[in-house]
Amino acid sequence: MATVQVGTEKVRLLLLPHLAMKQALATAAAKSEGITDAFEKLVAGRREQVERGVPLCAMGILAQKSDVRVRAIALLAERVDLETGEEWAPIADAEPSGPFFGVLAAGRVMVEIGPDRHIVLQLTAGAIFPEGLLATYGAVCRAETNCEAYRVRWHDFYMAVGLSIPAANDWFWKFRVQEKGTVERLTRRLQSVQGLLDVSLPHAKDVEIKAWKDQRGRRMSQAKRSESHVLFEALPRAPLPLLDPAAKKSLSELKSRMPDWEAQTGLLAYSGGRLLLPKLDEK
């Protein structure tokens, strides 16, 4: 016997017997509004998912469609078809329906954040992405091609996996490795791109900072002009160095005596300097 445990403060349950559903879908109003066709299409789609074993068999983790756990997850997975340019809006973990993860079975999507849709990462067929992590950063998945994707509740996944104990070589461990790697890669990329976006945001004091910078530049220019003007006015007033007349006379007398030094015997005199050396013997 199955039991239901209340996970929130207020819960409303609607009991819908199979016979009542069948009678409601058989009415003329349901057929005219397309409700009957939509329900039959939903049932046929879920049966096809079970036969194909998607989304797990599309992840490349060696999951077999004959596995009862794979079939149970396929029955509970919600299929989402995206055309080129359409966006998948992730669901936050805090939603009443609980945390979800998505699986891209076919196609290619780009993870983007910000109002200008900055590219974070590209996801290809077989990729898994936790919707709660993407919703935390406000990211969306934009389809670059026609895509086939599936949305699975984590609660449904663990409920199906809990039917048996996974073996050491079971696909469950490959699933966890792929999920962990995707989470780490997405987290790094989301943090990096979010950091770039935060740096480019305007500062609350940008106007005051710019005004202070302009005022400082004007004051520095004014100070340089004032300093150069003061130097220009002070230079002409400095006295020029003049030679003392007595010192000039002594210098003239010294130069007049230079030939007498050069005529001395046994000395070689250099009139341009003060070095006196004895003459070498020419013999």
C-alpha atoms as a PDB file:
ATOM      1  CA  MET A   1       0.000   0.000   0.000  1.00  0.00           C
ATOM      2  CA  ALA A   2       1.335   3.419  -1.010  1.00  0.00           C
ATOM      3  CA  THR A   3       1.253   6.372   1.377  1.00  0.00           C
ATOM      4  CA  VAL A   4       1.466  10.125   0.834  1.00  0.00           C
ATOM      5  CA  GLN A   5       3.457  12.381   3.149  1.00  0.00           C
ATOM      6  CA  VAL A   6       2.683  16.099   3.245  1.00  0.00           C
ATOM      7  CA  GLY A   7       5.778  18.139   2.383  1.00  0.00           C
ATOM      8  CA  THR A   8       4.304  21.639   2.822  1.00  0.00           C
ATOM      9  CA  GLU A   9       1.898  23.315   5.210  1.00  0.00           C
ATOM     10  CA  LYS A  10      -1.169  23.213   2.964  1.00  0.00           C
ATOM     11  CA  VAL A  11      -1.889  20.513   0.407  1.00  0.00           C
ATOM     12  CA  ARG A  12      -4.977  19.831  -1.697  1.00  0.00           C
ATOM     13  CA  LEU A  13      -5.559  16.400  -3.153  1.00  0.00           C
ATOM     14  CA  LEU A  14      -7.975  15.621  -5.952  1.00  0.00           C
ATOM     15  CA  LEU A  15      -9.047  12.015  -6.279  1.00  0.00           C
ATOM     16  CA  LEU A  16      -9.896  11.208  -9.884  1.00  0.00           C
ATOM     17  CA  PRO A  17     -11.092   7.656 -10.514  1.00  0.00           C
ATOM     18  CA  HIS A  18     -10.183   6.088 -13.821  1.00  0.00           C
ATOM     19  CA  LEU A  19     -13.836   5.583 -14.743  1.00  0.00           C
ATOM     20  CA  ALA A  20     -14.651   9.256 -14.142  1.00  0.00           C
ATOM     21  CA  MET A  21     -11.711  10.329 -16.334  1.00  0.00           C
ATOM     22  CA  LYS A  22     -12.798   7.980 -19.091  1.00  0.00           C
ATOM     23  CA  GLN A  23     -16.374   9.266 -19.012  1.00  0.00           C
ATOM     24  CA  ALA A  24     -15.235  12.915 -19.043  1.00  0.00           C
ATOM     25  CA  LEU A  25     -13.001  12.371 -22.074  1.00  0.00           C
ATOM     26  CA  ALA A  26     -15.828  10.647 -23.918  1.00  0.00           C
ATOM     27  CA  THR A  27     -18.143  13.676 -23.778  1.00  0.00           C
ATOM     28  CA  ALA A  28     -18.837  15.786 -26.854  1.00  0.00           C
ATOM     29  CA  ALA A  29     -17.439  18.928 -25.195  1.00  0.00           C
ATOM     30  CA  ALA A  30     -14.076  17.267 -24.503  1.00  0.00           C
ATOM     31  CA  LYS A  31     -13.852  16.028 -28.074  1.00  0.00           C
ATOM     32  CA  SER A  32     -14.824  19.376 -29.609  1.00  0.00           C
ATOM     33  CA  GLU A  33     -12.255  21.292 -27.548  1.00  0.00           C
ATOM     34  CA  GLY A  34      -9.488  18.815 -28.382  1.00  0.00           C
ATOM     35  CA  ILE A  35      -9.041  17.607 -24.805  1.00  0.00           C
ATOM     36  CA  THR A  36      -9.595  13.979 -25.764  1.00  0.00           C
ATOM     37  CA  ASP A  37      -7.043  14.120 -28.582  1.00  0.00           C
ATOM     38  CA  ALA A  38      -4.476  15.869 -26.367  1.00  0.00           C
ATOM     39  CA  PHE A  39      -4.866  13.242 -23.641  1.00  0.00           C
ATOM     40  CA  GLU A  40      -4.543  10.376 -26.110  1.00  0.00           C
ATOM     41  CA  LYS A  41      -1.445  12.026 -27.575  1.00  0.00           C
ATOM     42  CA  LEU A  42       0.053  12.321 -24.081  1.00  0.00           C
ATOM     43  CA  VAL A  43      -0.572   8.646 -23.361  1.00  0.00           C
ATOM     44  CA  ALA A  44       0.893   7.587 -26.716  1.00  0.00           C
ATOM     45  CA  GLY A  45       3.943   9.773 -26.118  1.00  0.00           C
ATOM     46  CA  ARG A  46       4.606   8.261 -22.696  1.00  0.00           C
ATOM     47  CA  ARG A  47       4.327   4.760 -24.125  1.00  0.00           C
ATOM     48  CA  GLU A  48       6.839   5.670 -26.825  1.00  0.00           C
ATOM     49  CA  GLN A  49       9.220   7.045 -24.199  1.00  0.00           C
ATOM     50  CA  VAL A  50       9.033   3.776 -22.277  1.00  0.00           C
ATOM     51  CA  GLU A  51       9.729   1.743 -25.407  1.00  0.00           C
ATOM     52  CA  ARG A  52      12.760   3.889 -26.294  1.00  0.00           C
ATOM     53  CA  GLY A  53      14.004   4.180 -22.717  1.00  0.00           C
ATOM     54  CA  VAL A  54      14.483   7.936 -22.997  1.00  0.00           C
ATOM     55  CA  PRO A  55      15.857  10.100 -21.573  1.00  0.00           C
ATOM     56  CA  LEU A  56      18.442   7.841 -19.873  1.00  0.00           C
ATOM     57  CA  CYS A  57      19.182   5.747 -22.972  1.00  0.00           C
ATOM     58  CA  ALA A  58      20.046   8.968 -24.839  1.00  0.00           C
ATOM     59  CA  MET A  59      22.782   9.953 -22.366  1.00  0.00           C
ATOM     60  CA  GLY A  60      25.376   7.388 -23.433  1.00  0.00           C
ATOM     61  CA  ILE A  61      25.690   5.839 -19.960  1.00  0.00           C
ATOM     62  CA  LEU A  62      24.991   2.256 -21.143  1.00  0.00           C
ATOM     63  CA  ALA A  63      21.461   2.249 -19.732  1.00  0.00           C
ATOM     64  CA  GLN A  64      19.236  -0.486 -21.174  1.00  0.00           C
ATOM     65  CA  LYS A  65      15.632   0.187 -22.117  1.00  0.00           C
ATOM     66  CA  SER A  66      14.657  -3.176 -20.635  1.00  0.00           C
ATOM     67  CA  ASP A  67      15.757  -1.972 -17.169  1.00  0.00           C
ATOM     68  CA  VAL A  68      12.695  -1.418 -14.997  1.00  0.00           C
ATOM     69  CA  ARG A  69      14.272   1.706 -13.481  1.00  0.00           C
ATOM     70  CA  VAL A  70      14.890   3.189 -16.915  1.00  0.00           C
ATOM     71  CA  ARG A  71      11.299   2.439 -17.928  1.00  0.00           C
ATOM     72  CA  ALA A  72       9.919   3.984 -14.743  1.00  0.00           C
ATOM     73  CA  ILE A  73      11.879   7.209 -15.268  1.00  0.00           C
ATOM     74  CA  ALA A  74      10.816   7.304 -18.926  1.00  0.00           C
ATOM     75  CA  LEU A  75       7.179   7.023 -17.865  1.00  0.00           C
ATOM     76  CA  LEU A  76       7.494   9.968 -15.471  1.00  0.00           C
ATOM     77  CA  ALA A  77       9.654  12.227 -17.664  1.00  0.00           C
ATOM     78  CA  GLU A  78       8.039  15.238 -19.329  1.00  0.00           C
ATOM     79  CA  ARG A  79       8.982  15.716 -22.968  1.00  0.00           C
ATOM     80  CA  VAL A  80       9.724  19.238 -24.222  1.00  0.00           C
ATOM     81  CA  ASP A  81      10.165  19.869 -27.948  1.00  0.00           C
ATOM     82  CA  LEU A  82      12.005  23.074 -28.855  1.00  0.00           C
ATOM     83  CA  GLU A  83      12.257  24.675 -32.262  1.00  0.00           C
ATOM     84  CA  THR A  84      15.225  26.779 -33.336  1.00  0.00           C
ATOM     85  CA  GLY A  85      15.312  29.990 -31.303  1.00  0.00           C
ATOM     86  CA  GLU A  86      12.918  28.863 -28.569  1.00  0.00           C
ATOM     87  CA  GLU A  87      13.963  29.059 -24.926  1.00  0.00           C
ATOM     88  CA  TRP A  88      13.700  26.630 -22.043  1.00  0.00           C
ATOM     89  CA  ALA A  89      13.071  28.453 -18.756  1.00  0.00           C
ATOM     90  CA  PRO A  90      14.538  26.392 -15.873  1.00  0.00           C
ATOM     91  CA  ILE A  91      12.486  25.778 -12.723  1.00  0.00           C
ATOM     92  CA  ALA A  92      13.974  26.791  -9.375  1.00  0.00           C
ATOM     93  CA  ASP A  93      14.488  24.198  -6.659  1.00  0.00           C
ATOM     94  CA  ALA A  94      12.274  26.218  -4.304  1.00  0.00           C
ATOM     95  CA  GLU A  95       9.183  25.674  -6.451  1.00  0.00           C
ATOM     96  CA  PRO A  96       6.369  23.552  -4.942  1.00  0.00           C
ATOM     97  CA  SER A  97       6.955  20.851  -7.559  1.00  0.00           C
ATOM     98  CA  GLY A  98      10.489  20.333  -6.243  1.00  0.00           C
ATOM     99  CA  PRO A  99      13.884  20.259  -7.981  1.00  0.00           C
ATOM    100  CA  PHE A 100      14.192  19.106 -11.600  1.00  0.00           C
ATOM    101  CA  PHE A 101      16.955  18.170 -13.998  1.00  0.00           C
ATOM    102  CA  GLY A 102      16.847  18.252 -17.766  1.00  0.00           C
ATOM    103  CA  VAL A 103      18.269  15.890 -20.357  1.00  0.00           C
ATOM    104  CA  LEU A 104      18.906  16.917 -23.953  1.00  0.00           C
ATOM    105  CA  ALA A 105      18.162  13.823 -26.040  1.00  0.00           C
ATOM    106  CA  ALA A 106      18.662  15.439 -29.455  1.00  0.00           C
ATOM    107  CA  GLY A 107      19.739  18.827 -30.799  1.00  0.00           C
ATOM    108  CA  ARG A 108      21.944  21.610 -29.466  1.00  0.00           C
ATOM    109  CA  VAL A 109      21.233  24.435 -27.001  1.00  0.00           C
ATOM    110  CA  MET A 110      23.149  27.436 -25.670  1.00  0.00           C
ATOM    111  CA  VAL A 111      23.055  28.370 -21.992  1.00  0.00           C
ATOM    112  CA  GLU A 112      22.745  32.167 -21.752  1.00  0.00           C
ATOM    113  CA  ILE A 113      22.380  34.702 -18.935  1.00  0.00           C
ATOM    114  CA  GLY A 114      21.751  38.420 -18.618  1.00  0.00           C
ATOM    115  CA  PRO A 115      19.441  40.756 -20.510  1.00  0.00           C
ATOM    116  CA  ASP A 116      21.833  40.728 -23.476  1.00  0.00           C
ATOM    117  CA  ARG A 117      21.947  36.915 -23.461  1.00  0.00           C
ATOM    118  CA  HIS A 118      25.662  36.348 -22.869  1.00  0.00           C
ATOM    119  CA  ILE A 119      26.697  32.821 -23.846  1.00  0.00           C
ATOM    120  CA  VAL A 120      27.822  30.604 -20.969  1.00  0.00           C
ATOM    121  CA  LEU A 121      28.102  27.106 -22.408  1.00  0.00           C
ATOM    122  CA  GLN A 122      26.915  24.929 -25.255  1.00  0.00           C
ATOM    123  CA  LEU A 123      25.063  21.695 -24.516  1.00  0.00           C
ATOM    124  CA  THR A 124      24.819  18.904 -27.055  1.00  0.00           C
ATOM    125  CA  ALA A 125      22.807  15.691 -27.299  1.00  0.00           C
ATOM    126  CA  GLY A 126      23.129  13.497 -24.221  1.00  0.00           C
ATOM    127  CA  ALA A 127      23.877  16.370 -21.831  1.00  0.00           C
ATOM    128  CA  ILE A 128      22.287  16.699 -18.405  1.00  0.00           C
ATOM    129  CA  PHE A 129      21.702  20.063 -16.748  1.00  0.00           C
ATOM    130  CA  PRO A 130      20.328  20.823 -13.255  1.00  0.00           C
ATOM    131  CA  GLU A 131      17.545  23.342 -13.612  1.00  0.00           C
ATOM    132  CA  GLY A 132      17.930  24.705 -10.090  1.00  0.00           C
ATOM    133  CA  LEU A 133      21.520  25.805 -10.755  1.00  0.00           C
ATOM    134  CA  LEU A 134      20.534  27.578 -13.968  1.00  0.00           C
ATOM    135  CA  ALA A 135      17.551  29.247 -12.296  1.00  0.00           C
ATOM    136  CA  THR A 136      19.814  30.594  -9.528  1.00  0.00           C
ATOM    137  CA  TYR A 137      21.743  32.651 -12.100  1.00  0.00           C
ATOM    138  CA  GLY A 138      18.666  33.492 -14.173  1.00  0.00           C
ATOM    139  CA  ALA A 139      19.980  31.452 -17.111  1.00  0.00           C
ATOM    140  CA  VAL A 140      17.941  30.092 -20.003  1.00  0.00           C
ATOM    141  CA  CYS A 141      18.589  27.400 -22.605  1.00  0.00           C
ATOM    142  CA  ARG A 142      18.113  28.674 -26.165  1.00  0.00           C
ATOM    143  CA  ALA A 143      17.735  26.062 -28.891  1.00  0.00           C
ATOM    144  CA  GLU A 144      20.164  26.390 -31.795  1.00  0.00           C
ATOM    145  CA  THR A 145      18.480  23.509 -33.633  1.00  0.00           C
ATOM    146  CA  ASN A 146      15.275  21.554 -33.257  1.00  0.00           C
ATOM    147  CA  CYS A 147      15.663  19.828 -29.904  1.00  0.00           C
ATOM    148  CA  GLU A 148      14.118  16.946 -28.014  1.00  0.00           C
ATOM    149  CA  ALA A 149      14.521  17.405 -24.268  1.00  0.00           C
ATOM    150  CA  TYR A 150      13.089  15.860 -21.122  1.00  0.00           C
ATOM    151  CA  ARG A 151      12.364  17.233 -17.664  1.00  0.00           C
ATOM    152  CA  VAL A 152      12.594  14.819 -14.712  1.00  0.00           C
ATOM    153  CA  ARG A 153      11.899  15.379 -11.022  1.00  0.00           C
ATOM    154  CA  TRP A 154      14.775  14.394  -8.808  1.00  0.00           C
ATOM    155  CA  HIS A 155      12.269  12.792  -6.447  1.00  0.00           C
ATOM    156  CA  ASP A 156      10.929  10.577  -9.237  1.00  0.00           C
ATOM    157  CA  PHE A 157      14.462   9.658 -10.271  1.00  0.00           C
ATOM    158  CA  TYR A 158      15.540   8.507  -6.800  1.00  0.00           C
ATOM    159  CA  MET A 159      12.232   6.754  -6.287  1.00  0.00           C
ATOM    160  CA  ALA A 160      12.798   4.717  -9.461  1.00  0.00           C
ATOM    161  CA  VAL A 161      16.455   4.019  -8.687  1.00  0.00           C
ATOM    162  CA  GLY A 162      15.562   2.938  -5.163  1.00  0.00           C
ATOM    163  CA  LEU A 163      13.700  -0.089  -6.488  1.00  0.00           C
ATOM    164  CA  SER A 164      17.007  -2.006  -6.514  1.00  0.00           C
ATOM    165  CA  ILE A 165      20.596  -1.622  -5.272  1.00  0.00           C
ATOM    166  CA  PRO A 166      22.926  -0.475  -8.099  1.00  0.00           C
ATOM    167  CA  ALA A 167      25.853  -2.750  -8.863  1.00  0.00           C
ATOM    168  CA  ALA A 168      29.430  -1.495  -9.158  1.00  0.00           C
ATOM    169  CA  ASN A 169      29.233  -1.384 -12.975  1.00  0.00           C
ATOM    170  CA  ASP A 170      25.684  -0.053 -13.089  1.00  0.00           C
ATOM    171  CA  TRP A 171      24.694   2.906 -15.275  1.00  0.00           C
ATOM    172  CA  PHE A 172      23.678   4.812 -12.126  1.00  0.00           C
ATOM    173  CA  TRP A 173      27.312   5.579 -11.261  1.00  0.00           C
ATOM    174  CA  LYS A 174      28.048   6.786 -14.800  1.00  0.00           C
ATOM    175  CA  PHE A 175      25.011   9.027 -14.482  1.00  0.00           C
ATOM    176  CA  ARG A 176      26.339  10.504 -11.241  1.00  0.00           C
ATOM    177  CA  VAL A 177      29.805  11.099 -12.723  1.00  0.00           C
ATOM    178  CA  GLN A 178      28.324  12.882 -15.742  1.00  0.00           C
ATOM    179  CA  GLU A 179      25.996  14.927 -13.560  1.00  0.00           C
ATOM    180  CA  LYS A 180      28.817  15.980 -11.212  1.00  0.00           C
ATOM    181  CA  GLY A 181      31.083  16.993 -14.099  1.00  0.00           C
ATOM    182  CA  THR A 182      28.321  19.044 -15.724  1.00  0.00           C
ATOM    183  CA  VAL A 183      27.494  20.804 -12.452  1.00  0.00           C
ATOM    184  CA  GLU A 184      31.144  21.737 -11.835  1.00  0.00           C
ATOM    185  CA  ARG A 185      31.649  22.982 -15.398  1.00  0.00           C
ATOM    186  CA  LEU A 186      28.394  24.945 -15.407  1.00  0.00           C
ATOM    187  CA  THR A 187      29.151  26.485 -12.011  1.00  0.00           C
ATOM    188  CA  ARG A 188      32.580  27.722 -13.118  1.00  0.00           C
ATOM    189  CA  ARG A 189      31.245  29.169 -16.349  1.00  0.00           C
ATOM    190  CA  LEU A 190      28.217  30.786 -14.721  1.00  0.00           C
ATOM    191  CA  GLN A 191      30.371  32.404 -12.031  1.00  0.00           C
ATOM    192  CA  SER A 192      32.852  33.701 -14.605  1.00  0.00           C
ATOM    193  CA  VAL A 193      30.239  35.228 -16.900  1.00  0.00           C
ATOM    194  CA  GLN A 194      28.274  36.631 -13.967  1.00  0.00           C
ATOM    195  CA  GLY A 195      31.462  38.248 -12.679  1.00  0.00           C
ATOM    196  CA  LEU A 196      32.058  39.930 -16.037  1.00  0.00           C
ATOM    197  CA  LEU A 197      28.494  41.221 -16.056  1.00  0.00           C
ATOM    198  CA  ASP A 198      28.822  42.581 -12.509  1.00  0.00           C
ATOM    199  CA  VAL A 199      32.024  44.453 -13.419  1.00  0.00           C
ATOM    200  CA  SER A 200      30.324  46.159 -16.356  1.00  0.00           C
ATOM    201  CA  LEU A 201      27.411  47.393 -14.237  1.00  0.00           C
ATOM    202  CA  PRO A 202      27.391  51.151 -13.440  1.00  0.00           C
ATOM    203  CA  HIS A 203      28.559  52.127  -9.954  1.00  0.00           C
ATOM    204  CA  ALA A 204      26.189  53.987  -7.661  1.00  0.00           C
ATOM    205  CA  LYS A 205      28.737  56.826  -7.266  1.00  0.00           C
ATOM    206  CA  ASP A 206      29.823  57.071 -10.914  1.00  0.00           C
ATOM    207  CA  VAL A 207      28.599  60.687 -11.261  1.00  0.00           C
ATOM    208  CA  GLU A 208      30.406  61.846  -8.101  1.00  0.00           C
ATOM    209  CA  ILE A 209      33.602  59.991  -9.059  1.00  0.00           C
ATOM    210  CA  LYS A 210      33.643  61.538 -12.541  1.00  0.00           C
ATOM    211  CA  ALA A 211      33.048  65.040 -11.139  1.00  0.00           C
ATOM    212  CA  TRP A 212      35.894  64.594  -8.629  1.00  0.00           C
ATOM    213  CA  LYS A 213      38.224  63.353 -11.367  1.00  0.00           C
ATOM    214  CA  ASP A 214      37.456  66.342 -13.615  1.00  0.00           C
ATOM    215  CA  GLN A 215      37.941  68.795 -10.756  1.00  0.00           C
ATOM    216  CA  ARG A 216      41.254  67.183  -9.793  1.00  0.00           C
ATOM    217  CA  GLY A 217      42.476  67.382 -13.394  1.00  0.00           C
ATOM    218  CA  ARG A 218      41.647  71.084 -13.605  1.00  0.00           C
ATOM    219  CA  ARG A 219      43.453  71.825 -10.342  1.00  0.00           C
ATOM    220  CA  MET A 220      46.569  69.928 -11.439  1.00  0.00           C
ATOM    221  CA  SER A 221      46.666  71.823 -14.739  1.00  0.00           C
ATOM    222  CA  GLN A 222      46.263  75.131 -12.926  1.00  0.00           C
ATOM    223  CA  ALA A 223      49.054  74.242 -10.492  1.00  0.00           C
ATOM    224  CA  LYS A 224      51.445  73.391 -13.340  1.00  0.00           C
ATOM    225  CA  ARG A 225      50.727  76.691 -15.094  1.00  0.00           C
ATOM    226  CA  SER A 226      51.292  78.658 -11.884  1.00  0.00           C
ATOM    227  CA  GLU A 227      54.600  76.877 -11.163  1.00  0.00           C
ATOM    228  CA  SER A 228      56.011  77.523 -14.648  1.00  0.00           C
ATOM    229  CA  HIS A 229      55.015  81.222 -14.433  1.00  0.00           C
ATOM    230  CA  VAL A 230      56.844  81.659 -11.101  1.00  0.00           C
ATOM    231  CA  LEU A 231      60.014  80.069 -12.466  1.00  0.00           C
ATOM    232  CA  PHE A 232      59.926  82.253 -15.566  1.00  0.00           C
ATOM    233  CA  GLU A 233      59.653  85.420 -13.455  1.00  0.00           C
ATOM    234  CA  ALA A 234      62.448  84.407 -11.055  1.00  0.00           C
ATOM    235  CA  LEU A 235      65.135  83.449 -13.581  1.00  0.00           C
ATOM    236  CA  PRO A 236      65.974  86.970 -15.033  1.00  0.00           C
ATOM    237  CA  ARG A 237      66.504  88.392 -11.554  1.00  0.00           C
ATOM    238  CA  ALA A 238      69.360  85.987 -10.705  1.00  0.00           C
ATOM    239  CA  PRO A 239      72.788  87.822 -10.893  1.00  0.00           C
ATOM    240  CA  LEU A 240      75.248  86.588 -13.461  1.00  0.00           C
ATOM    241  CA  PRO A 241      78.607  85.352 -12.084  1.00  0.00           C
ATOM    242  CA  LEU A 242      81.316  87.984 -12.848  1.00  0.00           C
ATOM    243  CA  LEU A 243      85.089  87.488 -12.627  1.00  0.00           C
ATOM    244  CA  ASP A 244      86.904  89.476  -9.930  1.00  0.00           C
ATOM    245  CA  PRO A 245      89.375  92.019 -11.502  1.00  0.00           C
ATOM    246  CA  ALA A 246      92.149  90.952  -9.121  1.00  0.00           C
ATOM    247  CA  ALA A 247      91.667  87.314 -10.045  1.00  0.00           C
ATOM    248  CA  LYS A 248      91.654  88.250 -13.730  1.00  0.00           C
ATOM    249  CA  LYS A 249      95.017  90.070 -13.349  1.00  0.00           C
ATOM    250  CA  SER A 250      96.619  87.088 -11.559  1.00  0.00           C
ATOM    251  CA  LEU A 251      95.473  84.812 -14.362  1.00  0.00           C
ATOM    252  CA  SER A 252      97.112  87.079 -16.972  1.00  0.00           C
ATOM    253  CA  GLU A 253     100.420  87.087 -15.106  1.00  0.00           C
ATOM    254  CA  LEU A 254     100.307  83.303 -14.832  1.00  0.00           C
ATOM    255  CA  LYS A 255      99.849  82.930 -18.570  1.00  0.00           C
ATOM    256  CA  SER A 256     102.759  85.342 -19.268  1.00  0.00           C
ATOM    257  CA  ARG A 257     105.128  83.153 -17.275  1.00  0.00           C
ATOM    258  CA  MET A 258     104.271  79.963 -19.178  1.00  0.00           C
ATOM    259  CA  PRO A 259     107.123  80.335 -21.769  1.00  0.00           C
ATOM    260  CA  ASP A 260     109.733  80.590 -18.976  1.00  0.00           C
ATOM    261  CA  TRP A 261     108.607  77.207 -17.671  1.00  0.00           C
ATOM    262  CA  GLU A 262     108.884  75.626 -21.079  1.00  0.00           C
ATOM    263  CA  ALA A 263     112.488  76.959 -21.503  1.00  0.00           C
ATOM    264  CA  GLN A 264     113.808  75.348 -18.361  1.00  0.00           C
ATOM    265  CA  THR A 265     116.548  72.769 -19.062  1.00  0.00           C
ATOM    266  CA  GLY A 266     115.711  69.148 -18.490  1.00  0.00           C
ATOM    267  CA  LEU A 267     111.954  69.767 -18.185  1.00  0.00           C
ATOM    268  CA  LEU A 268     109.154  69.146 -20.573  1.00  0.00           C
ATOM    269  CA  ALA A 269     106.366  71.604 -19.863  1.00  0.00           C
ATOM    270  CA  TYR A 270     102.797  71.459 -21.092  1.00  0.00           C
ATOM    271  CA  SER A 271     101.327  74.922 -21.269  1.00  0.00           C
ATOM    272  CA  GLY A 272      97.816  73.559 -21.137  1.00  0.00           C
ATOM    273  CA  GLY A 273      98.286  71.705 -17.854  1.00  0.00           C
ATOM    274  CA  ARG A 274     100.314  71.529 -14.697  1.00  0.00           C
ATOM    275  CA  LEU A 275     102.199  68.251 -15.294  1.00  0.00           C
ATOM    276  CA  LEU A 276     106.064  68.622 -15.519  1.00  0.00           C
ATOM    277  CA  LEU A 277     108.125  65.578 -16.508  1.00  0.00           C
ATOM    278  CA  PRO A 278     111.941  65.204 -17.030  1.00  0.00           C
ATOM    279  CA  LYS A 279     113.141  64.952 -20.626  1.00  0.00           C
ATOM    280  CA  LEU A 280     114.286  61.571 -21.859  1.00  0.00           C
ATOM    281  CA  ASP A 281     117.940  61.043 -22.861  1.00  0.00           C
ATOM    282  CA  GLU A 282     118.031  61.194 -26.653  1.00  0.00           C
ATOM    283  CA  LYS A 283     121.349  59.296 -26.984  1.00  0.00           C
END
